[in-house]
């Protein structure tokens, strides 16, 4: 894999709504390379949530030791 397609491990996730602009959601993703902030409108936030839920439902159950 080249550097453009290699996934990074997500170590932190935070969301918020700016006081001066409550119509958008700010999502902060923390990786080994630093934090990255993204602004989403309502439709984008709902699509992201739906996609995450659908993907999570397909994951196998965690292995126990």
PDB file of N, CA and C in Angstrom:
ATOM      1  N   UNK A   1       0.828  -1.193   0.000  1.00  0.00           N
ATOM      2  CA  UNK A   1       0.000   0.000   0.000  1.00  0.00           C
ATOM      3  C   UNK A   1       0.866   1.248   0.000  1.00  0.00           C
ATOM      4  N   UNK A   2       0.503   2.201  -0.810  1.00  0.00           N
ATOM      5  CA  UNK A   2       1.259   3.446  -0.752  1.00  0.00           C
ATOM      6  C   UNK A   2       0.686   4.333   0.349  1.00  0.00           C
ATOM      7  N   UNK A   3       1.349   5.419   0.610  1.00  0.00           N
ATOM      8  CA  UNK A   3       0.980   6.302   1.716  1.00  0.00           C
ATOM      9  C   UNK A   3      -0.411   6.924   1.540  1.00  0.00           C
ATOM     10  N   UNK A   4      -0.901   7.028   0.322  1.00  0.00           N
ATOM     11  CA  UNK A   4      -2.204   7.649   0.097  1.00  0.00           C
ATOM     12  C   UNK A   4      -3.365   6.737   0.469  1.00  0.00           C
ATOM     13  N   UNK A   5      -3.142   5.435   0.477  1.00  0.00           N
ATOM     14  CA  UNK A   5      -4.237   4.515   0.763  1.00  0.00           C
ATOM     15  C   UNK A   5      -4.091   3.771   2.083  1.00  0.00           C
ATOM     16  N   UNK A   6      -2.993   3.944   2.780  1.00  0.00           N
ATOM     17  CA  UNK A   6      -2.777   3.233   4.034  1.00  0.00           C
ATOM     18  C   UNK A   6      -3.656   3.843   5.130  1.00  0.00           C
ATOM     19  N   UNK A   7      -4.468   3.038   5.797  1.00  0.00           N
ATOM     20  CA  UNK A   7      -5.325   3.572   6.848  1.00  0.00           C
ATOM     21  C   UNK A   7      -4.518   3.893   8.108  1.00  0.00           C
ATOM     22  N   UNK A   8      -5.002   4.841   8.863  1.00  0.00           N
ATOM     23  CA  UNK A   8      -4.400   5.180  10.145  1.00  0.00           C
ATOM     24  C   UNK A   8      -5.341   4.702  11.247  1.00  0.00           C
ATOM     25  N   UNK A   9      -4.781   4.429  12.392  1.00  0.00           N
ATOM     26  CA  UNK A   9      -5.589   3.991  13.522  1.00  0.00           C
ATOM     27  C   UNK A   9      -6.191   5.224  14.189  1.00  0.00           C
ATOM     28  N   UNK A  10      -7.486   5.178  14.376  1.00  0.00           N
ATOM     29  CA  UNK A  10      -8.199   6.277  15.024  1.00  0.00           C
ATOM     30  C   UNK A  10      -8.126   6.070  16.527  1.00  0.00           C
ATOM     31  N   UNK A  11      -7.533   7.040  17.235  1.00  0.00           N
ATOM     32  CA  UNK A  11      -7.380   6.898  18.683  1.00  0.00           C
ATOM     33  C   UNK A  11      -8.313   7.810  19.461  1.00  0.00           C
ATOM     34  N   UNK A  12      -8.949   8.724  18.798  1.00  0.00           N
ATOM     35  CA  UNK A  12      -9.873   9.618  19.490  1.00  0.00           C
ATOM     36  C   UNK A  12     -10.912  10.149  18.544  1.00  0.00           C
ATOM     37  N   UNK A  13     -12.083  10.451  19.078  1.00  0.00           N
ATOM     38  CA  UNK A  13     -13.185  10.925  18.253  1.00  0.00           C
ATOM     39  C   UNK A  13     -14.001  11.882  19.104  1.00  0.00           C
ATOM     40  N   UNK A  14     -14.245  13.050  18.607  1.00  0.00           N
ATOM     41  CA  UNK A  14     -15.051  14.013  19.355  1.00  0.00           C
ATOM     42  C   UNK A  14     -15.915  14.794  18.384  1.00  0.00           C
ATOM     43  N   UNK A  15     -17.090  15.164  18.832  1.00  0.00           N
ATOM     44  CA  UNK A  15     -17.968  15.983  18.003  1.00  0.00           C
ATOM     45  C   UNK A  15     -18.420  17.189  18.800  1.00  0.00           C
ATOM     46  N   UNK A  16     -18.855  18.206  18.097  1.00  0.00           N
ATOM     47  CA  UNK A  16     -19.360  19.398  18.763  1.00  0.00           C
ATOM     48  C   UNK A  16     -20.103  20.275  17.791  1.00  0.00           C
ATOM     49  N   UNK A  17     -20.860  21.177  18.342  1.00  0.00           N
ATOM     50  CA  UNK A  17     -21.618  22.135  17.559  1.00  0.00           C
ATOM     51  C   UNK A  17     -21.137  23.517  17.961  1.00  0.00           C
ATOM     52  N   UNK A  18     -20.550  24.263  17.041  1.00  0.00           N
ATOM     53  CA  UNK A  18     -20.051  25.603  17.374  1.00  0.00           C
ATOM     54  C   UNK A  18     -21.195  26.509  17.824  1.00  0.00           C
ATOM     55  N   UNK A  19     -20.970  27.279  18.881  1.00  0.00           N
ATOM     56  CA  UNK A  19     -22.010  28.168  19.410  1.00  0.00           C
ATOM     57  C   UNK A  19     -22.516  29.150  18.360  1.00  0.00           C
ATOM     58  N   UNK A  20     -21.622  29.656  17.547  1.00  0.00           N
ATOM     59  CA  UNK A  20     -22.003  30.664  16.553  1.00  0.00           C
ATOM     60  C   UNK A  20     -22.551  30.044  15.271  1.00  0.00           C
ATOM     61  N   UNK A  21     -22.479  28.741  15.148  1.00  0.00           N
ATOM     62  CA  UNK A  21     -22.949  28.080  13.930  1.00  0.00           C
ATOM     63  C   UNK A  21     -23.527  26.710  14.281  1.00  0.00           C
ATOM     64  N   UNK A  22     -24.695  26.674  14.940  1.00  0.00           N
ATOM     65  CA  UNK A  22     -25.256  25.413  15.414  1.00  0.00           C
ATOM     66  C   UNK A  22     -25.807  24.514  14.305  1.00  0.00           C
ATOM     67  N   UNK A  23     -25.776  24.972  13.063  1.00  0.00           N
ATOM     68  CA  UNK A  23     -26.300  24.160  11.954  1.00  0.00           C
ATOM     69  C   UNK A  23     -25.269  23.204  11.379  1.00  0.00           C
ATOM     70  N   UNK A  24     -24.067  23.163  11.950  1.00  0.00           N
ATOM     71  CA  UNK A  24     -23.034  22.239  11.493  1.00  0.00           C
ATOM     72  C   UNK A  24     -22.485  21.457  12.677  1.00  0.00           C
ATOM     73  N   UNK A  25     -21.911  20.303  12.379  1.00  0.00           N
ATOM     74  CA  UNK A  25     -21.252  19.478  13.384  1.00  0.00           C
ATOM     75  C   UNK A  25     -19.772  19.431  13.047  1.00  0.00           C
ATOM     76  N   UNK A  26     -18.943  19.609  14.053  1.00  0.00           N
ATOM     77  CA  UNK A  26     -17.504  19.502  13.875  1.00  0.00           C
ATOM     78  C   UNK A  26     -17.079  18.142  14.419  1.00  0.00           C
ATOM     79  N   UNK A  27     -16.395  17.373  13.598  1.00  0.00           N
ATOM     80  CA  UNK A  27     -15.887  16.072  14.015  1.00  0.00           C
ATOM     81  C   UNK A  27     -14.367  16.159  14.036  1.00  0.00           C
ATOM     82  N   UNK A  28     -13.783  15.808  15.170  1.00  0.00           N
ATOM     83  CA  UNK A  28     -12.335  15.795  15.323  1.00  0.00           C
ATOM     84  C   UNK A  28     -11.876  14.355  15.406  1.00  0.00           C
ATOM     85  N   UNK A  29     -10.954  13.987  14.533  1.00  0.00           N
ATOM     86  CA  UNK A  29     -10.392  12.641  14.518  1.00  0.00           C
ATOM     87  C   UNK A  29      -8.921  12.731  14.901  1.00  0.00           C
ATOM     88  N   UNK A  30      -8.490  11.933  15.856  1.00  0.00           N
ATOM     89  CA  UNK A  30      -7.112  11.960  16.302  1.00  0.00           C
ATOM     90  C   UNK A  30      -6.408  10.692  15.835  1.00  0.00           C
ATOM     91  N   UNK A  31      -5.300  10.862  15.141  1.00  0.00           N
ATOM     92  CA  UNK A  31      -4.475   9.748  14.686  1.00  0.00           C
ATOM     93  C   UNK A  31      -3.045   9.991  15.149  1.00  0.00           C
ATOM     94  N   UNK A  32      -2.165   9.079  14.804  1.00  0.00           N
ATOM     95  CA  UNK A  32      -0.757   9.240  15.164  1.00  0.00           C
ATOM     96  C   UNK A  32      -0.146  10.476  14.519  1.00  0.00           C
ATOM     97  N   UNK A  33      -0.736  10.931  13.417  1.00  0.00           N
ATOM     98  CA  UNK A  33      -0.217  12.103  12.718  1.00  0.00           C
ATOM     99  C   UNK A  33      -0.823  13.402  13.223  1.00  0.00           C
ATOM    100  N   UNK A  34      -1.707  13.330  14.210  1.00  0.00           N
ATOM    101  CA  UNK A  34      -2.307  14.537  14.763  1.00  0.00           C
ATOM    102  C   UNK A  34      -3.816  14.529  14.647  1.00  0.00           C
ATOM    103  N   UNK A  35      -4.404  15.653  15.007  1.00  0.00           N
ATOM    104  CA  UNK A  35      -5.870  15.787  14.969  1.00  0.00           C
ATOM    105  C   UNK A  35      -6.289  16.406  13.644  1.00  0.00           C
ATOM    106  N   UNK A  36      -7.437  15.963  13.158  1.00  0.00           N
ATOM    107  CA  UNK A  36      -7.993  16.472  11.909  1.00  0.00           C
ATOM    108  C   UNK A  36      -9.453  16.820  12.173  1.00  0.00           C
ATOM    109  N   UNK A  37      -9.850  18.041  11.879  1.00  0.00           N
ATOM    110  CA  UNK A  37     -11.217  18.489  12.106  1.00  0.00           C
ATOM    111  C   UNK A  37     -11.972  18.558  10.784  1.00  0.00           C
ATOM    112  N   UNK A  38     -13.234  18.145  10.832  1.00  0.00           N
ATOM    113  CA  UNK A  38     -14.107  18.162   9.662  1.00  0.00           C
ATOM    114  C   UNK A  38     -15.428  18.801  10.050  1.00  0.00           C
ATOM    115  N   UNK A  39     -16.003  19.582   9.151  1.00  0.00           N
ATOM    116  CA  UNK A  39     -17.305  20.207   9.375  1.00  0.00           C
ATOM    117  C   UNK A  39     -18.329  19.501   8.493  1.00  0.00           C
ATOM    118  N   UNK A  40     -19.442  19.071   9.099  1.00  0.00           N
ATOM    119  CA  UNK A  40     -20.495  18.370   8.372  1.00  0.00           C
ATOM    120  C   UNK A  40     -21.829  19.083   8.543  1.00  0.00           C
ATOM    121  N   UNK A  41     -22.616  19.096   7.469  1.00  0.00           N
ATOM    122  CA  UNK A  41     -23.978  19.585   7.625  1.00  0.00           C
ATOM    123  C   UNK A  41     -24.842  18.415   8.101  1.00  0.00           C
ATOM    124  N   UNK A  42     -26.117  18.650   8.326  1.00  0.00           N
ATOM    125  CA  UNK A  42     -26.987  17.617   8.880  1.00  0.00           C
ATOM    126  C   UNK A  42     -27.043  16.376   8.000  1.00  0.00           C
ATOM    127  N   UNK A  43     -27.192  16.541   6.699  1.00  0.00           N
ATOM    128  CA  UNK A  43     -27.286  15.398   5.799  1.00  0.00           C
ATOM    129  C   UNK A  43     -26.007  14.571   5.815  1.00  0.00           C
ATOM    130  N   UNK A  44     -24.868  15.241   5.820  1.00  0.00           N
ATOM    131  CA  UNK A  44     -23.589  14.533   5.847  1.00  0.00           C
ATOM    132  C   UNK A  44     -23.406  13.772   7.161  1.00  0.00           C
ATOM    133  N   UNK A  45     -23.791  14.404   8.272  1.00  0.00           N
ATOM    134  CA  UNK A  45     -23.663  13.763   9.588  1.00  0.00           C
ATOM    135  C   UNK A  45     -24.543  12.518   9.668  1.00  0.00           C
ATOM    136  N   UNK A  46     -25.773  12.602   9.152  1.00  0.00           N
ATOM    137  CA  UNK A  46     -26.672  11.450   9.175  1.00  0.00           C
ATOM    138  C   UNK A  46     -26.157  10.324   8.284  1.00  0.00           C
ATOM    139  N   UNK A  47     -25.619  10.670   7.124  1.00  0.00           N
ATOM    140  CA  UNK A  47     -25.055   9.663   6.229  1.00  0.00           C
ATOM    141  C   UNK A  47     -23.863   8.969   6.884  1.00  0.00           C
ATOM    142  N   UNK A  48     -23.001   9.749   7.519  1.00  0.00           N
ATOM    143  CA  UNK A  48     -21.841   9.174   8.191  1.00  0.00           C
ATOM    144  C   UNK A  48     -22.290   8.242   9.316  1.00  0.00           C
ATOM    145  N   UNK A  49     -23.250   8.661  10.109  1.00  0.00           N
ATOM    146  CA  UNK A  49     -23.742   7.829  11.212  1.00  0.00           C
ATOM    147  C   UNK A  49     -24.360   6.535  10.687  1.00  0.00           C
ATOM    148  N   UNK A  50     -25.133   6.623   9.627  1.00  0.00           N
ATOM    149  CA  UNK A  50     -25.766   5.436   9.045  1.00  0.00           C
ATOM    150  C   UNK A  50     -24.710   4.477   8.498  1.00  0.00           C
ATOM    151  N   UNK A  51     -23.708   5.014   7.826  1.00  0.00           N
ATOM    152  CA  UNK A  51     -22.637   4.184   7.270  1.00  0.00           C
ATOM    153  C   UNK A  51     -21.843   3.497   8.374  1.00  0.00           C
ATOM    154  N   UNK A  52     -21.524   4.228   9.437  1.00  0.00           N
ATOM    155  CA  UNK A  52     -20.787   3.639  10.556  1.00  0.00           C
ATOM    156  C   UNK A  52     -21.618   2.523  11.190  1.00  0.00           C
ATOM    157  N   UNK A  53     -22.904   2.749  11.390  1.00  0.00           N
ATOM    158  CA  UNK A  53     -23.769   1.743  11.995  1.00  0.00           C
ATOM    159  C   UNK A  53     -23.840   0.491  11.125  1.00  0.00           C
ATOM    160  N   UNK A  54     -24.030   0.658   9.818  1.00  0.00           N
ATOM    161  CA  UNK A  54     -24.123  -0.491   8.920  1.00  0.00           C
ATOM    162  C   UNK A  54     -22.821  -1.285   8.898  1.00  0.00           C
ATOM    163  N   UNK A  55     -21.712  -0.590   8.899  1.00  0.00           N
ATOM    164  CA  UNK A  55     -20.411  -1.249   8.892  1.00  0.00           C
ATOM    165  C   UNK A  55     -20.176  -1.988  10.209  1.00  0.00           C
ATOM    166  N   UNK A  56     -20.510  -1.342  11.323  1.00  0.00           N
ATOM    167  CA  UNK A  56     -20.310  -1.960  12.632  1.00  0.00           C
ATOM    168  C   UNK A  56     -21.150  -3.227  12.784  1.00  0.00           C
ATOM    169  N   UNK A  57     -22.346  -3.233  12.223  1.00  0.00           N
ATOM    170  CA  UNK A  57     -23.207  -4.404  12.311  1.00  0.00           C
ATOM    171  C   UNK A  57     -22.614  -5.605  11.572  1.00  0.00           C
ATOM    172  N   UNK A  58     -21.768  -5.360  10.592  1.00  0.00           N
ATOM    173  CA  UNK A  58     -21.147  -6.430   9.805  1.00  0.00           C
ATOM    174  C   UNK A  58     -19.880  -6.984  10.461  1.00  0.00           C
ATOM    175  N   UNK A  59     -19.349  -6.294  11.450  1.00  0.00           N
ATOM    176  CA  UNK A  59     -18.115  -6.747  12.096  1.00  0.00           C
ATOM    177  C   UNK A  59     -18.377  -7.995  12.924  1.00  0.00           C
ATOM    178  N   UNK A  60     -17.427  -8.902  12.960  1.00  0.00           N
ATOM    179  CA  UNK A  60     -17.593 -10.083  13.819  1.00  0.00           C
ATOM    180  C   UNK A  60     -17.484  -9.676  15.287  1.00  0.00           C
ATOM    181  N   UNK A  61     -18.009 -10.518  16.165  1.00  0.00           N
ATOM    182  CA  UNK A  61     -17.907 -10.253  17.598  1.00  0.00           C
ATOM    183  C   UNK A  61     -16.434 -10.308  18.009  1.00  0.00           C
ATOM    184  N   UNK A  62     -16.048  -9.497  18.999  1.00  0.00           N
ATOM    185  CA  UNK A  62     -14.662  -9.516  19.455  1.00  0.00           C
ATOM    186  C   UNK A  62     -14.277 -10.887  20.014  1.00  0.00           C
ATOM    187  N   UNK A  63     -13.039 -11.260  19.795  1.00  0.00           N
ATOM    188  CA  UNK A  63     -12.534 -12.517  20.340  1.00  0.00           C
ATOM    189  C   UNK A  63     -12.252 -12.342  21.823  1.00  0.00           C
ATOM    190  N   UNK A  64     -12.524 -13.367  22.590  1.00  0.00           N
ATOM    191  CA  UNK A  64     -12.205 -13.336  24.012  1.00  0.00           C
ATOM    192  C   UNK A  64     -11.000 -14.232  24.264  1.00  0.00           C
ATOM    193  N   UNK A  65     -10.208 -13.843  25.223  1.00  0.00           N
ATOM    194  CA  UNK A  65      -8.971 -14.596  25.514  1.00  0.00           C
ATOM    195  C   UNK A  65      -9.248 -15.854  26.302  1.00  0.00           C
TER     196      UNK A  65
END
